[in-house]
Each structure stands twice: as structure tokens, then as C-alpha cells.
PDB file of all heavy atoms in Angstrom:
ATOM      1  N   VAL A   1      89.204  98.601 100.656  1.00  0.00           N
ATOM      2  CA  VAL A   1      89.221 100.060 100.926  1.00  0.00           C
ATOM      3  C   VAL A   1      90.490 100.779 100.397  1.00  0.00           C
ATOM      4  O   VAL A   1      90.410 101.783  99.640  1.00  0.00           O
ATOM      5  CB  VAL A   1      89.212 100.273 102.567  1.00  0.00           C
ATOM      6  CG1 VAL A   1      89.377 101.691 102.781  1.00  0.00           C
ATOM      7  CG2 VAL A   1      87.819  99.883 103.039  1.00  0.00           C
ATOM      8  N   ILE A   2      91.634 100.055 100.522  1.00  0.00           N
ATOM      9  CA  ILE A   2      92.904 100.615 100.030  1.00  0.00           C
ATOM     10  C   ILE A   2      92.814 100.736  98.502  1.00  0.00           C
ATOM     11  O   ILE A   2      93.242 101.728  97.852  1.00  0.00           O
ATOM     12  CB  ILE A   2      94.007  99.790 100.436  1.00  0.00           C
ATOM     13  CG1 ILE A   2      94.204  99.965 102.046  1.00  0.00           C
ATOM     14  CG2 ILE A   2      95.343 100.183  99.765  1.00  0.00           C
ATOM     15  CD1 ILE A   2      95.351  98.993 102.596  1.00  0.00           C
ATOM     16  N   SER A   3      92.259  99.660  97.952  1.00  0.00           N
ATOM     17  CA  SER A   3      92.069  99.626  96.431  1.00  0.00           C
ATOM     18  C   SER A   3      91.146 100.751  95.903  1.00  0.00           C
ATOM     19  O   SER A   3      91.584 101.398  94.903  1.00  0.00           O
ATOM     20  CB  SER A   3      91.596  98.283  95.983  1.00  0.00           C
ATOM     21  OG  SER A   3      92.532  97.232  96.321  1.00  0.00           O
ATOM     22  N   ILE A   4      90.082 100.956  96.580  1.00  0.00           N
ATOM     23  CA  ILE A   4      89.255 102.073  96.198  1.00  0.00           C
ATOM     24  C   ILE A   4      89.854 103.459  96.403  1.00  0.00           C
ATOM     25  O   ILE A   4      89.740 104.273  95.451  1.00  0.00           O
ATOM     26  CB  ILE A   4      88.000 101.984  97.109  1.00  0.00           C
ATOM     27  CG1 ILE A   4      87.101 100.732  96.707  1.00  0.00           C
ATOM     28  CG2 ILE A   4      87.016 103.311  96.872  1.00  0.00           C
ATOM     29  CD1 ILE A   4      85.846 100.513  97.643  1.00  0.00           C
ATOM     30  N   VAL A   5      90.613 103.678  97.465  1.00  0.00           N
ATOM     31  CA  VAL A   5      91.349 104.816  97.615  1.00  0.00           C
ATOM     32  C   VAL A   5      92.404 105.047  96.562  1.00  0.00           C
ATOM     33  O   VAL A   5      92.453 106.194  96.025  1.00  0.00           O
ATOM     34  CB  VAL A   5      92.200 104.740  99.022  1.00  0.00           C
ATOM     35  CG1 VAL A   5      93.008 106.072  99.113  1.00  0.00           C
ATOM     36  CG2 VAL A   5      91.111 104.815 100.159  1.00  0.00           C
ATOM     37  N   LYS A   6      93.117 104.047  96.140  1.00  0.00           N
ATOM     38  CA  LYS A   6      94.104 104.299  95.067  1.00  0.00           C
ATOM     39  C   LYS A   6      93.416 104.468  93.699  1.00  0.00           C
ATOM     40  O   LYS A   6      93.792 105.159  92.875  1.00  0.00           O
ATOM     41  CB  LYS A   6      94.932 102.948  95.032  1.00  0.00           C
ATOM     42  CG  LYS A   6      95.953 102.863  96.212  1.00  0.00           C
ATOM     43  CD  LYS A   6      96.849 101.673  95.996  1.00  0.00           C
ATOM     44  CE  LYS A   6      97.850 101.582  97.107  1.00  0.00           C
ATOM     45  NZ  LYS A   6      98.630 100.371  97.120  1.00  0.00           N
ATOM     46  N   LEU A   7      92.247 103.693  93.461  1.00  0.00           N
ATOM     47  CA  LEU A   7      91.558 103.848  92.165  1.00  0.00           C
ATOM     48  C   LEU A   7      91.026 105.151  91.962  1.00  0.00           C
ATOM     49  O   LEU A   7      91.100 105.689  90.860  1.00  0.00           O
ATOM     50  CB  LEU A   7      90.552 102.689  92.090  1.00  0.00           C
ATOM     51  CG  LEU A   7      89.612 102.617  90.815  1.00  0.00           C
ATOM     52  CD1 LEU A   7      90.525 102.269  89.666  1.00  0.00           C
ATOM     53  CD2 LEU A   7      88.326 101.734  90.975  1.00  0.00           C
ATOM     54  N   PHE A   8      90.342 105.689  92.881  1.00  0.00           N
ATOM     55  CA  PHE A   8      89.766 106.994  92.727  1.00  0.00           C
ATOM     56  C   PHE A   8      90.684 108.173  93.272  1.00  0.00           C
ATOM     57  O   PHE A   8      90.203 109.423  93.251  1.00  0.00           O
ATOM     58  CB  PHE A   8      88.396 107.092  93.537  1.00  0.00           C
ATOM     59  CG  PHE A   8      87.435 106.151  92.935  1.00  0.00           C
ATOM     60  CD1 PHE A   8      87.178 104.962  93.564  1.00  0.00           C
ATOM     61  CD2 PHE A   8      86.582 106.547  91.962  1.00  0.00           C
ATOM     62  CE1 PHE A   8      86.160 104.011  93.075  1.00  0.00           C
ATOM     63  CE2 PHE A   8      85.659 105.740  91.379  1.00  0.00           C
ATOM     64  CZ  PHE A   8      85.458 104.417  91.966  1.00  0.00           C
ATOM     65  N   ASP A   9      92.009 107.874  93.553  1.00  0.00           N
ATOM     66  CA  ASP A   9      92.973 108.903  93.993  1.00  0.00           C
ATOM     67  C   ASP A   9      92.243 109.844  95.120  1.00  0.00           C
ATOM     68  O   ASP A   9      92.426 111.081  95.031  1.00  0.00           O
ATOM     69  CB  ASP A   9      93.328 109.703  92.777  1.00  0.00           C
ATOM     70  CG  ASP A   9      94.534 110.538  93.033  1.00  0.00           C
ATOM     71  OD1 ASP A   9      95.391 110.086  93.950  1.00  0.00           O
ATOM     72  OD2 ASP A   9      94.808 111.560  92.347  1.00  0.00           O
ATOM     73  N   ILE A  10      91.856 109.147  96.196  1.00  0.00           N
ATOM     74  CA  ILE A  10      91.392 109.928  97.348  1.00  0.00           C
ATOM     75  C   ILE A  10      92.391 110.375  98.182  1.00  0.00           C
ATOM     76  O   ILE A  10      93.229 109.649  98.450  1.00  0.00           O
ATOM     77  CB  ILE A  10      90.405 108.982  97.994  1.00  0.00           C
ATOM     78  CG1 ILE A  10      89.192 108.575  97.158  1.00  0.00           C
ATOM     79  CG2 ILE A  10      89.738 109.688  99.205  1.00  0.00           C
ATOM     80  CD1 ILE A  10      88.333 107.486  97.869  1.00  0.00           C
ATOM     81  N   ASP A  11      92.408 111.674  98.441  1.00  0.00           N
ATOM     82  CA  ASP A  11      93.473 112.212  99.357  1.00  0.00           C
ATOM     83  C   ASP A  11      93.086 112.071 100.756  1.00  0.00           C
ATOM     84  O   ASP A  11      92.124 112.555 101.174  1.00  0.00           O
ATOM     85  CB  ASP A  11      93.522 113.815  98.904  1.00  0.00           C
ATOM     86  CG  ASP A  11      94.684 114.346  99.633  1.00  0.00           C
ATOM     87  OD1 ASP A  11      95.520 113.667 100.290  1.00  0.00           O
ATOM     88  OD2 ASP A  11      94.724 115.605  99.535  1.00  0.00           O
ATOM     89  N   LEU A  12      94.065 111.317 101.489  1.00  0.00           N
ATOM     90  CA  LEU A  12      93.715 111.082 102.833  1.00  0.00           C
ATOM     91  C   LEU A  12      94.726 111.815 103.741  1.00  0.00           C
ATOM     92  O   LEU A  12      94.895 111.410 104.908  1.00  0.00           O
ATOM     93  CB  LEU A  12      93.932 109.550 103.049  1.00  0.00           C
ATOM     94  CG  LEU A  12      92.958 108.658 102.432  1.00  0.00           C
ATOM     95  CD1 LEU A  12      93.225 107.172 102.754  1.00  0.00           C
ATOM     96  CD2 LEU A  12      91.511 108.870 102.799  1.00  0.00           C
ATOM     97  N   THR A  13      95.288 112.918 103.173  1.00  0.00           N
ATOM     98  CA  THR A  13      96.276 113.652 103.969  1.00  0.00           C
ATOM     99  C   THR A  13      95.831 114.272 105.301  1.00  0.00           C
ATOM    100  O   THR A  13      96.388 114.018 106.261  1.00  0.00           O
ATOM    101  CB  THR A  13      96.942 114.711 102.979  1.00  0.00           C
ATOM    102  OG1 THR A  13      97.429 114.085 101.847  1.00  0.00           O
ATOM    103  CG2 THR A  13      98.062 115.466 103.840  1.00  0.00           C
ATOM    104  N   TYR A  14      94.626 114.809 105.185  1.00  0.00           N
ATOM    105  CA  TYR A  14      94.105 115.506 106.335  1.00  0.00           C
ATOM    106  C   TYR A  14      93.621 114.429 107.367  1.00  0.00           C
ATOM    107  O   TYR A  14      93.895 114.616 108.521  1.00  0.00           O
ATOM    108  CB  TYR A  14      92.741 116.260 105.956  1.00  0.00           C
ATOM    109  CG  TYR A  14      92.096 116.939 107.090  1.00  0.00           C
ATOM    110  CD1 TYR A  14      92.720 118.049 107.658  1.00  0.00           C
ATOM    111  CD2 TYR A  14      90.924 116.396 107.590  1.00  0.00           C
ATOM    112  CE1 TYR A  14      92.098 118.607 108.792  1.00  0.00           C
ATOM    113  CE2 TYR A  14      90.389 117.069 108.692  1.00  0.00           C
ATOM    114  CZ  TYR A  14      90.900 118.143 109.258  1.00  0.00           C
ATOM    115  OH  TYR A  14      90.291 118.808 110.385  1.00  0.00           O
ATOM    116  N   LEU A  15      93.112 113.193 106.846  1.00  0.00           N
ATOM    117  CA  LEU A  15      92.858 112.141 107.803  1.00  0.00           C
ATOM    118  C   LEU A  15      94.006 111.642 108.462  1.00  0.00           C
ATOM    119  O   LEU A  15      93.961 111.493 109.750  1.00  0.00           O
ATOM    120  CB  LEU A  15      92.052 111.104 107.062  1.00  0.00           C
ATOM    121  CG  LEU A  15      91.696 109.901 107.920  1.00  0.00           C
ATOM    122  CD1 LEU A  15      90.670 110.172 109.003  1.00  0.00           C
ATOM    123  CD2 LEU A  15      91.130 108.728 107.023  1.00  0.00           C
ATOM    124  N   MET A  16      95.128 111.412 107.873  1.00  0.00           N
ATOM    125  CA  MET A  16      96.359 111.005 108.435  1.00  0.00           C
ATOM    126  C   MET A  16      96.914 112.012 109.402  1.00  0.00           C
ATOM    127  O   MET A  16      97.484 111.641 110.347  1.00  0.00           O
ATOM    128  CB  MET A  16      97.361 110.617 107.284  1.00  0.00           C
ATOM    129  CG  MET A  16      96.961 109.555 106.347  1.00  0.00           C
ATOM    130  SD  MET A  16      96.519 107.967 107.164  1.00  0.00           S
ATOM    131  CE  MET A  16      98.246 107.556 107.728  1.00  0.00           C
ATOM    132  N   TYR A  17      96.783 113.228 108.943  1.00  0.00           N
ATOM    133  CA  TYR A  17      97.169 114.346 109.949  1.00  0.00           C
ATOM    134  C   TYR A  17      96.430 114.212 111.197  1.00  0.00           C
ATOM    135  O   TYR A  17      97.066 114.373 112.358  1.00  0.00           O
ATOM    136  CB  TYR A  17      97.047 115.603 109.236  1.00  0.00           C
ATOM    137  CG  TYR A  17      97.355 116.741 110.181  1.00  0.00           C
ATOM    138  CD1 TYR A  17      98.703 117.118 110.452  1.00  0.00           C
ATOM    139  CD2 TYR A  17      96.448 117.481 110.680  1.00  0.00           C
ATOM    140  CE1 TYR A  17      98.963 118.214 111.420  1.00  0.00           C
ATOM    141  CE2 TYR A  17      96.544 118.628 111.687  1.00  0.00           C
ATOM    142  CZ  TYR A  17      97.950 118.891 111.995  1.00  0.00           C
ATOM    143  OH  TYR A  17      98.117 120.009 112.822  1.00  0.00           O
ATOM    144  N   MET A  18      95.204 114.116 111.190  1.00  0.00           N
ATOM    145  CA  MET A  18      94.292 114.050 112.350  1.00  0.00           C
ATOM    146  C   MET A  18      94.705 112.793 113.173  1.00  0.00           C
ATOM    147  O   MET A  18      94.685 112.979 114.405  1.00  0.00           O
ATOM    148  CB  MET A  18      92.833 114.028 111.996  1.00  0.00           C
ATOM    149  CG  MET A  18      92.328 115.290 111.355  1.00  0.00           C
ATOM    150  SD  MET A  18      92.453 116.730 112.401  1.00  0.00           S
ATOM    151  CE  MET A  18      91.271 116.289 113.640  1.00  0.00           C
ATOM    152  N   ILE A  19      94.861 111.702 112.650  1.00  0.00           N
ATOM    153  CA  ILE A  19      95.301 110.540 113.390  1.00  0.00           C
ATOM    154  C   ILE A  19      96.612 110.730 114.017  1.00  0.00           C
ATOM    155  O   ILE A  19      96.806 110.277 115.157  1.00  0.00           O
ATOM    156  CB  ILE A  19      95.329 109.357 112.322  1.00  0.00           C
ATOM    157  CG1 ILE A  19      93.878 108.997 111.935  1.00  0.00           C
ATOM    158  CG2 ILE A  19      95.952 108.162 113.069  1.00  0.00           C
ATOM    159  CD1 ILE A  19      93.876 107.880 110.931  1.00  0.00           C
ATOM    160  N   SER A  20      97.526 111.422 113.296  1.00  0.00           N
ATOM    161  CA  SER A  20      98.887 111.619 113.788  1.00  0.00           C
ATOM    162  C   SER A  20      98.785 112.479 115.105  1.00  0.00           C
ATOM    163  O   SER A  20      99.695 112.472 115.894  1.00  0.00           O
ATOM    164  CB  SER A  20      99.842 112.199 112.785  1.00  0.00           C
ATOM    165  OG  SER A  20      99.368 113.542 112.406  1.00  0.00           O
ATOM    166  N   GLN A  21      97.804 113.340 115.251  1.00  0.00           N
ATOM    167  CA  GLN A  21      97.703 114.196 116.389  1.00  0.00           C
ATOM    168  C   GLN A  21      97.211 113.549 117.637  1.00  0.00           C
ATOM    169  O   GLN A  21      97.204 114.124 118.662  1.00  0.00           O
ATOM    170  CB  GLN A  21      96.829 115.354 115.979  1.00  0.00           C
ATOM    171  CG  GLN A  21      97.273 116.310 114.860  1.00  0.00           C
ATOM    172  CD  GLN A  21      98.637 116.740 115.064  1.00  0.00           C
ATOM    173  OE1 GLN A  21      98.925 117.568 116.103  1.00  0.00           O
ATOM    174  NE2 GLN A  21      99.690 116.442 114.247  1.00  0.00           N
ATOM    175  N   ILE A  22      96.693 112.345 117.497  1.00  0.00           N
ATOM    176  CA  ILE A  22      96.210 111.559 118.618  1.00  0.00           C
ATOM    177  C   ILE A  22      97.419 111.087 119.477  1.00  0.00           C
ATOM    178  O   ILE A  22      98.123 110.214 118.994  1.00  0.00           O
ATOM    179  CB  ILE A  22      95.275 110.418 118.299  1.00  0.00           C
ATOM    180  CG1 ILE A  22      94.062 110.892 117.447  1.00  0.00           C
ATOM    181  CG2 ILE A  22      94.781 109.693 119.426  1.00  0.00           C
ATOM    182  CD1 ILE A  22      93.312 109.886 116.856  1.00  0.00           C
ATOM    183  N   ASP A  23      97.511 111.396 120.677  1.00  0.00           N
ATOM    184  CA  ASP A  23      98.504 111.093 121.465  1.00  0.00           C
ATOM    185  C   ASP A  23      98.283 109.644 122.177  1.00  0.00           C
ATOM    186  O   ASP A  23      97.100 109.193 121.982  1.00  0.00           O
ATOM    187  CB  ASP A  23      99.101 112.098 122.495  1.00  0.00           C
ATOM    188  CG  ASP A  23      97.996 112.479 123.521  1.00  0.00           C
ATOM    189  OD1 ASP A  23      97.042 111.649 123.701  1.00  0.00           O
ATOM    190  OD2 ASP A  23      98.036 113.594 124.002  1.00  0.00           O
ATOM    191  N   LEU A  24      99.155 109.123 122.937  1.00  0.00           N
ATOM    192  CA  LEU A  24      99.004 107.884 123.524  1.00  0.00           C
ATOM    193  C   LEU A  24      97.856 107.824 124.501  1.00  0.00           C
ATOM    194  O   LEU A  24      97.083 106.873 124.639  1.00  0.00           O
ATOM    195  CB  LEU A  24     100.241 107.322 124.177  1.00  0.00           C
ATOM    196  CG  LEU A  24     101.288 106.635 123.291  1.00  0.00           C
ATOM    197  CD1 LEU A  24     102.533 106.284 124.087  1.00  0.00           C
ATOM    198  CD2 LEU A  24     100.676 105.373 122.632  1.00  0.00           C
ATOM    199  N   VAL A  25      97.751 108.900 125.328  1.00  0.00           N
ATOM    200  CA  VAL A  25      96.680 109.008 126.367  1.00  0.00           C
ATOM    201  C   VAL A  25      95.253 109.048 125.819  1.00  0.00           C
ATOM    202  O   VAL A  25      94.435 108.373 126.167  1.00  0.00           O
ATOM    203  CB  VAL A  25      96.866 110.228 127.337  1.00  0.00           C
ATOM    204  CG1 VAL A  25      95.789 110.414 128.253  1.00  0.00           C
ATOM    205  CG2 VAL A  25      98.295 110.145 128.004  1.00  0.00           C
ATOM    206  N   GLN A  26      95.183 109.805 124.633  1.00  0.00           N
ATOM    207  CA  GLN A  26      93.873 109.789 123.929  1.00  0.00           C
ATOM    208  C   GLN A  26      93.580 108.462 123.266  1.00  0.00           C
ATOM    209  O   GLN A  26      92.422 108.085 123.317  1.00  0.00           O
ATOM    210  CB  GLN A  26      93.972 110.964 122.844  1.00  0.00           C
ATOM    211  CG  GLN A  26      94.028 112.378 123.371  1.00  0.00           C
ATOM    212  CD  GLN A  26      94.219 113.464 122.366  1.00  0.00           C
ATOM    213  OE1 GLN A  26      94.991 113.172 121.357  1.00  0.00           O
ATOM    214  NE2 GLN A  26      93.610 114.508 122.460  1.00  0.00           N
ATOM    215  N   MET A  27      94.680 107.783 122.802  1.00  0.00           N
ATOM    216  CA  MET A  27      94.362 106.600 122.139  1.00  0.00           C
ATOM    217  C   MET A  27      93.932 105.527 123.230  1.00  0.00           C
ATOM    218  O   MET A  27      93.012 104.647 122.940  1.00  0.00           O
ATOM    219  CB  MET A  27      95.649 106.036 121.520  1.00  0.00           C
ATOM    220  CG  MET A  27      95.492 104.841 120.673  1.00  0.00           C
ATOM    221  SD  MET A  27      94.383 104.830 119.397  1.00  0.00           S
ATOM    222  CE  MET A  27      95.242 105.904 118.336  1.00  0.00           C
TER     223      MET A  27
END
């Protein structure tokens, strides 16, 4: 998966932002 993301230069910024918004209680 990581190789595919790098190969096709997929932008995961929004996904990483959404994950970072999850607090411990939600997790």
C-alpha cells in the first residue's frame, strides 16, 4: 500500500488530518 501511494504520488494529507482529529475517547 505504501509503495502504491509513493508510486502514484497519492496525496494523503486530508486523510492524515482526519485521523489526527480523532481523540483518545473516540479511538
